[in-house]
C-alpha atoms as a PDB file:
ATOM      1  CA  MET A   1     -10.652 -33.112 322.454  1.00  0.00           C
ATOM      2  CA  SER A   2     -11.891 -29.733 323.668  1.00  0.00           C
ATOM      3  CA  PHE A   3     -10.523 -26.263 323.075  1.00  0.00           C
ATOM      4  CA  PRO A   4     -10.903 -23.263 325.366  1.00  0.00           C
ATOM      5  CA  ASP A   5     -13.152 -20.515 324.006  1.00  0.00           C
ATOM      6  CA  GLU A   6     -10.365 -17.977 324.137  1.00  0.00           C
ATOM      7  CA  ALA A   7      -8.250 -20.164 321.839  1.00  0.00           C
ATOM      8  CA  ILE A   8     -10.808 -20.643 319.075  1.00  0.00           C
ATOM      9  CA  GLY A   9     -13.637 -18.235 319.740  1.00  0.00           C
ATOM     10  CA  ASN A  10     -12.261 -14.855 318.759  1.00  0.00           C
ATOM     11  CA  GLY A  11     -10.272 -15.714 315.630  1.00  0.00           C
ATOM     12  CA  THR A  12      -6.813 -15.222 317.182  1.00  0.00           C
ATOM     13  CA  LEU A  13      -4.354 -17.145 319.319  1.00  0.00           C
ATOM     14  CA  THR A  14      -4.158 -15.985 322.902  1.00  0.00           C
ATOM     15  CA  HIS A  15      -1.083 -14.079 324.025  1.00  0.00           C
ATOM     16  CA  GLY A  16       1.925 -16.366 324.266  1.00  0.00           C
ATOM     17  CA  GLN A  17       0.137 -19.344 322.679  1.00  0.00           C
ATOM     18  CA  SER A  18       2.331 -21.548 320.470  1.00  0.00           C
ATOM     19  CA  SER A  19       2.419 -24.999 318.899  1.00  0.00           C
ATOM     20  CA  ALA A  20       3.192 -26.352 322.368  1.00  0.00           C
ATOM     21  CA  SER A  21      -0.443 -25.568 323.264  1.00  0.00           C
ATOM     22  CA  PHE A  22      -1.621 -28.209 320.790  1.00  0.00           C
ATOM     23  CA  ASP A  23      -1.021 -31.936 320.466  1.00  0.00           C
ATOM     24  CA  LEU A  24       0.630 -31.918 317.041  1.00  0.00           C
ATOM     25  CA  GLY A  25       0.847 -35.702 317.199  1.00  0.00           C
ATOM     26  CA  THR A  26      -2.875 -35.869 316.389  1.00  0.00           C
ATOM     27  CA  PHE A  27      -4.841 -34.661 313.396  1.00  0.00           C
ATOM     28  CA  SER A  28      -7.208 -32.635 315.599  1.00  0.00           C
ATOM     29  CA  GLY A  29      -4.261 -30.874 317.217  1.00  0.00           C
ATOM     30  CA  ARG A  30      -2.661 -30.046 313.870  1.00  0.00           C
ATOM     31  CA  PHE A  31      -6.012 -28.837 312.514  1.00  0.00           C
ATOM     32  CA  ALA A  32      -6.553 -26.589 315.532  1.00  0.00           C
ATOM     33  CA  PHE A  33      -3.038 -25.207 315.199  1.00  0.00           C
ATOM     34  CA  ALA A  34      -3.484 -24.657 311.430  1.00  0.00           C
ATOM     35  CA  ILE A  35      -6.631 -22.546 311.800  1.00  0.00           C
ATOM     36  CA  GLU A  36      -4.704 -20.279 314.184  1.00  0.00           C
ATOM     37  CA  GLY A  37      -7.525 -19.661 316.650  1.00  0.00           C
ATOM     38  CA  GLU A  38     -10.228 -19.131 314.028  1.00  0.00           C
ATOM     39  CA  SER A  39     -13.670 -20.182 315.268  1.00  0.00           C
ATOM     40  CA  PRO A  40     -15.301 -23.276 313.748  1.00  0.00           C
ATOM     41  CA  HIS A  41     -18.102 -21.081 312.408  1.00  0.00           C
ATOM     42  CA  ALA A  42     -15.689 -18.664 310.722  1.00  0.00           C
ATOM     43  CA  PHE A  43     -13.606 -21.476 309.225  1.00  0.00           C
ATOM     44  CA  SER A  44     -16.801 -23.154 308.014  1.00  0.00           C
ATOM     45  CA  ARG A  45     -17.890 -20.024 306.170  1.00  0.00           C
ATOM     46  CA  ARG A  46     -14.450 -19.600 304.611  1.00  0.00           C
ATOM     47  CA  SER A  47     -13.855 -23.234 303.623  1.00  0.00           C
ATOM     48  CA  GLY A  48     -17.367 -24.414 302.773  1.00  0.00           C
ATOM     49  CA  ILE A  49     -17.108 -27.310 305.267  1.00  0.00           C
ATOM     50  CA  SER A  50     -20.077 -27.428 307.640  1.00  0.00           C
ATOM     51  CA  SER A  51     -19.431 -26.080 311.136  1.00  0.00           C
ATOM     52  CA  THR A  52     -20.733 -29.371 312.569  1.00  0.00           C
ATOM     53  CA  MET A  53     -18.038 -31.285 310.708  1.00  0.00           C
ATOM     54  CA  VAL A  54     -15.370 -28.737 311.652  1.00  0.00           C
ATOM     55  CA  ARG A  55     -16.214 -29.255 315.334  1.00  0.00           C
ATOM     56  CA  LYS A  56     -16.129 -33.036 314.912  1.00  0.00           C
ATOM     57  CA  TYR A  57     -12.688 -32.821 313.324  1.00  0.00           C
ATOM     58  CA  LEU A  58     -11.467 -30.600 316.161  1.00  0.00           C
ATOM     59  CA  GLU A  59     -12.825 -33.141 318.647  1.00  0.00           C
ATOM     60  CA  GLY A  60     -10.941 -36.052 317.073  1.00  0.00           C
ATOM     61  CA  SER A  61     -12.832 -37.327 314.015  1.00  0.00           C
ATOM     62  CA  MET A  62     -10.657 -38.014 310.975  1.00  0.00           C
ATOM     63  CA  PRO A  63     -11.870 -36.591 307.636  1.00  0.00           C
ATOM     64  CA  GLY A  64     -11.682 -38.381 304.333  1.00  0.00           C
ATOM     65  CA  LEU A  65      -9.194 -37.458 301.616  1.00  0.00           C
ATOM     66  CA  ASP A  66     -11.557 -35.007 299.919  1.00  0.00           C
ATOM     67  CA  LYS A  67     -12.060 -33.015 303.121  1.00  0.00           C
ATOM     68  CA  LEU A  68      -8.355 -33.237 303.992  1.00  0.00           C
ATOM     69  CA  LEU A  69      -7.592 -31.607 300.653  1.00  0.00           C
ATOM     70  CA  GLU A  70     -10.133 -28.854 301.309  1.00  0.00           C
ATOM     71  CA  ILE A  71      -8.723 -28.196 304.781  1.00  0.00           C
ATOM     72  CA  ALA A  72      -5.125 -28.179 303.523  1.00  0.00           C
ATOM     73  CA  GLU A  73      -6.096 -25.699 300.815  1.00  0.00           C
ATOM     74  CA  ALA A  74      -8.010 -23.433 303.201  1.00  0.00           C
ATOM     75  CA  THR A  75      -5.278 -23.409 305.867  1.00  0.00           C
ATOM     76  CA  HIS A  76      -2.355 -23.288 303.433  1.00  0.00           C
ATOM     77  CA  VAL A  77      -0.582 -26.314 304.892  1.00  0.00           C
ATOM     78  CA  THR A  78       0.822 -29.418 303.231  1.00  0.00           C
ATOM     79  CA  LEU A  79      -1.358 -32.495 303.001  1.00  0.00           C
ATOM     80  CA  ASP A  80       1.349 -34.749 304.459  1.00  0.00           C
ATOM     81  CA  TRP A  81       1.746 -32.525 307.514  1.00  0.00           C
ATOM     82  CA  LEU A  82      -1.981 -32.177 308.092  1.00  0.00           C
ATOM     83  CA  ALA A  83      -2.849 -35.857 307.669  1.00  0.00           C
ATOM     84  CA  ALA A  84       0.199 -37.547 309.183  1.00  0.00           C
ATOM     85  CA  GLY A  85       2.446 -34.913 310.758  1.00  0.00           C
ATOM     86  CA  ARG A  86       5.158 -35.578 308.168  1.00  0.00           C
ATOM     87  CA  GLY A  87       7.410 -33.018 306.530  1.00  0.00           C
ATOM     88  CA  GLN A  88       7.114 -29.258 306.650  1.00  0.00           C
ATOM     89  CA  MET A  89       3.911 -27.518 307.608  1.00  0.00           C
ATOM     90  CA  ARG A  90       3.887 -24.790 304.967  1.00  0.00           C
ATOM     91  CA  PRO A  91       4.114 -25.672 301.268  1.00  0.00           C
ATOM     92  CA  THR A  92       6.725 -24.296 298.923  1.00  0.00           C
ATOM     93  CA  GLU A  93       5.539 -22.668 295.683  1.00  0.00           C
ATOM     94  CA  GLY A  94       3.443 -25.117 293.675  1.00  0.00           C
ATOM     95  CA  GLN A  95       3.582 -27.845 296.318  1.00  0.00           C
ATOM     96  CA  ALA A  96      -0.005 -27.412 297.447  1.00  0.00           C
ATOM     97  CA  LYS A  97      -1.144 -27.923 293.864  1.00  0.00           C
ATOM     98  CA  SER A  98       0.005 -31.538 293.665  1.00  0.00           C
ATOM     99  CA  ILE A  99      -0.329 -34.761 295.631  1.00  0.00           C
ATOM    100  CA  MET A 100       0.960 -38.311 295.301  1.00  0.00           C
ATOM    101  CA  VAL A 101      -1.779 -40.885 294.740  1.00  0.00           C
ATOM    102  CA  THR A 102      -1.702 -44.659 294.392  1.00  0.00           C
ATOM    103  CA  GLY A 103      -5.164 -45.033 292.859  1.00  0.00           C
ATOM    104  CA  ASP A 104      -7.616 -42.748 291.139  1.00  0.00           C
ATOM    105  CA  ALA A 105      -6.987 -39.029 291.590  1.00  0.00           C
ATOM    106  CA  PRO A 106      -9.443 -37.201 293.892  1.00  0.00           C
ATOM    107  CA  ASP A 107     -12.087 -34.918 292.432  1.00  0.00           C
ATOM    108  CA  GLY A 108     -10.569 -31.756 290.999  1.00  0.00           C
ATOM    109  CA  PHE A 109      -7.160 -33.382 290.478  1.00  0.00           C
ATOM    110  CA  ILE A 110      -5.686 -34.772 287.263  1.00  0.00           C
ATOM    111  CA  ALA A 111      -3.085 -37.555 287.194  1.00  0.00           C
ATOM    112  CA  VAL A 112      -0.217 -36.375 284.972  1.00  0.00           C
ATOM    113  CA  PRO A 113       1.749 -39.152 283.199  1.00  0.00           C
ATOM    114  CA  LYS A 114       5.469 -39.280 283.960  1.00  0.00           C
ATOM    115  CA  LEU A 115       7.642 -39.858 280.907  1.00  0.00           C
ATOM    116  CA  ASP A 116      10.790 -41.916 281.304  1.00  0.00           C
ATOM    117  CA  ILE A 117      13.018 -39.611 279.217  1.00  0.00           C
ATOM    118  CA  ARG A 118      15.319 -37.261 281.130  1.00  0.00           C
ATOM    119  CA  PRO A 119      15.870 -34.090 279.065  1.00  0.00           C
ATOM    120  CA  SER A 120      19.461 -33.019 279.500  1.00  0.00           C
ATOM    121  CA  ALA A 121      20.221 -29.525 280.763  1.00  0.00           C
ATOM    122  CA  GLY A 122      23.928 -29.991 280.231  1.00  0.00           C
ATOM    123  CA  ALA A 123      26.215 -31.282 277.547  1.00  0.00           C
ATOM    124  CA  GLY A 124      23.422 -33.671 276.623  1.00  0.00           C
ATOM    125  CA  SER A 125      22.755 -37.370 276.484  1.00  0.00           C
ATOM    126  CA  MET A 126      19.764 -39.631 276.052  1.00  0.00           C
ATOM    127  CA  GLY A 127      18.750 -40.810 279.504  1.00  0.00           C
ATOM    128  CA  PHE A 128      15.889 -42.820 280.939  1.00  0.00           C
ATOM    129  CA  HIS A 129      13.985 -42.539 284.201  1.00  0.00           C
ATOM    130  CA  GLU A 130      13.440 -46.087 285.492  1.00  0.00           C
ATOM    131  CA  ASP A 131      13.030 -45.773 289.247  1.00  0.00           C
ATOM    132  CA  GLY A 132       9.947 -47.949 289.292  1.00  0.00           C
ATOM    133  CA  GLU A 133       7.920 -45.498 291.390  1.00  0.00           C
ATOM    134  CA  PRO A 134       4.374 -46.871 291.843  1.00  0.00           C
ATOM    135  CA  ASP A 135       2.877 -43.480 292.756  1.00  0.00           C
ATOM    136  CA  ILE A 136       1.289 -41.043 290.348  1.00  0.00           C
ATOM    137  CA  VAL A 137       1.566 -37.295 290.711  1.00  0.00           C
ATOM    138  CA  ALA A 138      -1.805 -35.560 290.504  1.00  0.00           C
ATOM    139  CA  PHE A 139      -2.230 -31.813 290.053  1.00  0.00           C
ATOM    140  CA  LYS A 140      -5.244 -29.578 290.531  1.00  0.00           C
ATOM    141  CA  GLU A 141      -6.985 -29.258 287.180  1.00  0.00           C
ATOM    142  CA  ASP A 142      -7.767 -25.561 287.552  1.00  0.00           C
ATOM    143  CA  TRP A 143      -4.147 -24.841 288.497  1.00  0.00           C
ATOM    144  CA  LEU A 144      -2.873 -26.619 285.367  1.00  0.00           C
ATOM    145  CA  ARG A 145      -5.147 -24.433 283.278  1.00  0.00           C
ATOM    146  CA  ARG A 146      -3.982 -21.297 285.086  1.00  0.00           C
ATOM    147  CA  ILE A 147      -0.358 -21.993 284.128  1.00  0.00           C
ATOM    148  CA  GLY A 148      -1.476 -22.265 280.511  1.00  0.00           C
ATOM    149  CA  ILE A 149      -1.687 -26.000 279.865  1.00  0.00           C
ATOM    150  CA  SER A 150      -4.578 -28.263 278.944  1.00  0.00           C
ATOM    151  CA  PRO A 151      -4.461 -31.249 281.361  1.00  0.00           C
ATOM    152  CA  LYS A 152      -4.593 -33.808 278.538  1.00  0.00           C
ATOM    153  CA  PHE A 153      -1.331 -32.435 277.120  1.00  0.00           C
ATOM    154  CA  ALA A 154       0.543 -32.260 280.454  1.00  0.00           C
ATOM    155  CA  ARG A 155       3.480 -34.604 280.972  1.00  0.00           C
ATOM    156  CA  LEU A 156       6.031 -34.896 283.783  1.00  0.00           C
ATOM    157  CA  MET A 157       9.749 -35.100 283.048  1.00  0.00           C
ATOM    158  CA  VAL A 158      12.894 -34.968 285.164  1.00  0.00           C
ATOM    159  CA  ALA A 159      15.645 -32.483 284.287  1.00  0.00           C
ATOM    160  CA  GLN A 160      19.242 -33.654 284.111  1.00  0.00           C
ATOM    161  CA  GLY A 161      22.327 -31.447 284.173  1.00  0.00           C
ATOM    162  CA  ASP A 162      23.078 -27.894 285.269  1.00  0.00           C
ATOM    163  CA  SER A 163      22.966 -25.713 282.150  1.00  0.00           C
ATOM    164  CA  MET A 164      19.549 -24.259 283.120  1.00  0.00           C
ATOM    165  CA  ARG A 165      20.484 -23.557 286.746  1.00  0.00           C
ATOM    166  CA  GLU A 166      19.061 -21.548 288.626  1.00  0.00           C
ATOM    167  CA  THR A 167      15.796 -21.684 286.666  1.00  0.00           C
ATOM    168  CA  ILE A 168      15.714 -25.482 286.476  1.00  0.00           C
ATOM    169  CA  ASN A 169      18.112 -27.586 288.504  1.00  0.00           C
ATOM    170  CA  ASP A 170      19.374 -31.131 288.098  1.00  0.00           C
ATOM    171  CA  GLY A 171      16.663 -33.567 289.198  1.00  0.00           C
ATOM    172  CA  ASP A 172      13.826 -31.031 289.104  1.00  0.00           C
ATOM    173  CA  LEU A 173      10.404 -32.343 288.163  1.00  0.00           C
ATOM    174  CA  MET A 174       8.910 -30.415 285.238  1.00  0.00           C
ATOM    175  CA  ILE A 175       5.479 -30.140 283.672  1.00  0.00           C
ATOM    176  CA  VAL A 176       5.800 -30.082 279.889  1.00  0.00           C
ATOM    177  CA  ASP A 177       3.072 -29.056 277.432  1.00  0.00           C
ATOM    178  CA  ILE A 178       3.430 -31.588 274.614  1.00  0.00           C
ATOM    179  CA  SER A 179       0.816 -29.836 272.459  1.00  0.00           C
ATOM    180  CA  ILE A 180       3.488 -27.271 271.527  1.00  0.00           C
ATOM    181  CA  ARG A 181       5.619 -28.831 268.801  1.00  0.00           C
ATOM    182  CA  GLU A 182       7.050 -25.710 267.184  1.00  0.00           C
ATOM    183  CA  PHE A 183       8.762 -22.500 268.248  1.00  0.00           C
ATOM    184  CA  ILE A 184       6.178 -19.940 269.418  1.00  0.00           C
ATOM    185  CA  ASP A 185       8.093 -17.445 271.520  1.00  0.00           C
ATOM    186  CA  GLU A 186      11.152 -17.276 273.743  1.00  0.00           C
ATOM    187  CA  ALA A 187      10.666 -19.965 276.380  1.00  0.00           C
ATOM    188  CA  ILE A 188      12.201 -23.205 277.665  1.00  0.00           C
ATOM    189  CA  TYR A 189      11.557 -26.217 275.464  1.00  0.00           C
ATOM    190  CA  VAL A 190      12.295 -29.933 275.476  1.00  0.00           C
ATOM    191  CA  LEU A 191      13.804 -30.717 272.084  1.00  0.00           C
ATOM    192  CA  VAL A 192      15.807 -33.248 270.130  1.00  0.00           C
ATOM    193  CA  TYR A 193      18.797 -31.938 268.211  1.00  0.00           C
ATOM    194  CA  GLY A 194      21.877 -33.766 267.031  1.00  0.00           C
ATOM    195  CA  GLY A 195      20.416 -37.029 268.303  1.00  0.00           C
ATOM    196  CA  LEU A 196      20.203 -35.715 271.879  1.00  0.00           C
ATOM    197  CA  VAL A 197      17.263 -34.814 274.088  1.00  0.00           C
ATOM    198  CA  ARG A 198      17.908 -31.249 275.227  1.00  0.00           C
ATOM    199  CA  LEU A 199      16.408 -28.705 277.601  1.00  0.00           C
ATOM    200  CA  LYS A 200      17.088 -25.173 276.345  1.00  0.00           C
ATOM    201  CA  ARG A 201      15.677 -21.686 276.138  1.00  0.00           C
ATOM    202  CA  LEU A 202      14.946 -20.899 272.485  1.00  0.00           C
ATOM    203  CA  GLN A 203      15.207 -17.483 270.862  1.00  0.00           C
ATOM    204  CA  MET A 204      14.565 -16.684 267.216  1.00  0.00           C
ATOM    205  CA  LEU A 205      16.463 -13.757 265.680  1.00  0.00           C
ATOM    206  CA  ARG A 206      15.051 -11.617 262.867  1.00  0.00           C
ATOM    207  CA  SER A 207      17.604 -13.193 260.554  1.00  0.00           C
ATOM    208  CA  GLY A 208      15.943 -16.582 261.133  1.00  0.00           C
ATOM    209  CA  LEU A 209      18.834 -17.873 263.227  1.00  0.00           C
ATOM    210  CA  LEU A 210      17.626 -20.002 266.161  1.00  0.00           C
ATOM    211  CA  LEU A 211      19.547 -19.762 269.439  1.00  0.00           C
ATOM    212  CA  LEU A 212      19.730 -22.531 272.046  1.00  0.00           C
ATOM    213  CA  LYS A 213      20.417 -20.642 275.265  1.00  0.00           C
ATOM    214  CA  SER A 214      21.383 -21.826 278.738  1.00  0.00           C
ATOM    215  CA  ASP A 215      20.416 -19.903 281.869  1.00  0.00           C
ATOM    216  CA  ASN A 216      23.697 -20.969 283.488  1.00  0.00           C
ATOM    217  CA  PRO A 217      26.302 -18.415 282.247  1.00  0.00           C
ATOM    218  CA  ARG A 218      28.976 -21.122 282.225  1.00  0.00           C
ATOM    219  CA  TYR A 219      27.453 -22.502 279.031  1.00  0.00           C
ATOM    220  CA  GLU A 220      27.754 -20.870 275.624  1.00  0.00           C
ATOM    221  CA  THR A 221      24.767 -20.178 273.385  1.00  0.00           C
ATOM    222  CA  GLU A 222      24.431 -22.571 270.450  1.00  0.00           C
ATOM    223  CA  GLU A 223      23.318 -21.395 267.026  1.00  0.00           C
ATOM    224  CA  VAL A 224      21.082 -23.404 264.724  1.00  0.00           C
ATOM    225  CA  PRO A 225      21.211 -22.037 261.154  1.00  0.00           C
ATOM    226  CA  LEU A 226      18.069 -21.987 259.040  1.00  0.00           C
ATOM    227  CA  ALA A 227      19.263 -24.927 256.934  1.00  0.00           C
ATOM    228  CA  GLU A 228      19.586 -27.175 260.017  1.00  0.00           C
ATOM    229  CA  GLN A 229      16.348 -26.187 261.741  1.00  0.00           C
ATOM    230  CA  PRO A 230      14.284 -29.000 260.128  1.00  0.00           C
ATOM    231  CA  GLU A 231      16.561 -31.398 262.053  1.00  0.00           C
ATOM    232  CA  LEU A 232      15.512 -29.834 265.372  1.00  0.00           C
ATOM    233  CA  ILE A 233      12.392 -31.466 266.815  1.00  0.00           C
ATOM    234  CA  ILE A 234      10.486 -29.715 269.587  1.00  0.00           C
ATOM    235  CA  GLY A 235       8.806 -32.131 271.991  1.00  0.00           C
ATOM    236  CA  GLY A 236       7.075 -29.586 274.214  1.00  0.00           C
ATOM    237  CA  ARG A 237       7.304 -26.382 276.201  1.00  0.00           C
ATOM    238  CA  VAL A 238       8.164 -26.388 279.909  1.00  0.00           C
ATOM    239  CA  ARG A 239       5.374 -24.714 281.882  1.00  0.00           C
ATOM    240  CA  TRP A 240       6.457 -25.470 285.452  1.00  0.00           C
ATOM    241  CA  ALA A 241       9.473 -26.760 287.363  1.00  0.00           C
ATOM    242  CA  GLY A 242       8.957 -26.099 291.063  1.00  0.00           C
ATOM    243  CA  GLY A 243       7.523 -22.746 289.944  1.00  0.00           C
ATOM    244  CA  SER A 244       5.938 -21.274 286.838  1.00  0.00           C
ATOM    245  CA  ILE A 245       8.338 -20.763 283.926  1.00  0.00           C
END
């Protein structure tokens, strides 16, 4: 596959050029569209991929997963769109930081275990996540550290209920830091209280009274007196749920 010099040589798309100018049914076409007219040499310098390989990819060669990840990161497109033309081209917040893998995670990514407990963000009940998904969600290790969590303490959970809407919605996937087992500051925690797994924002008053708060104004704040606080067990702090918390 060849590309006219005016399309890729000067770093910009020519006047009136659109996705129709590229064969988005092929990887090379999607790659060319994603770099938006940037020259192979310029993209090579920016991405760290050799210009020889960039030209080969533009001419039809298919990169391996490691290079696909590098290209997706450098062009700010989703891996699914780049590799297979599936889904949306541009990632939502946090999406580019995770991939689904069926084997070992690629270099730079950490497979985060998915717990089968669904913390309730509503009236509360003990629920279990048993969908039998074979895939593992892997996140970029440096991104996990940037949101304040050591990868070995990261766990995935699924929220249930609407008491934390709009911050966390029913069915949202969350990253929970299980190294935090006590109240540190006002934040959203997974906890067990009254025999129920809960998802609540905790606030400690100067009097020692602990408040279980919901971000949905339809729900009232619950108070946990000092005498009952030993019965409240914190399982972890939520660090991410479609966006940093």
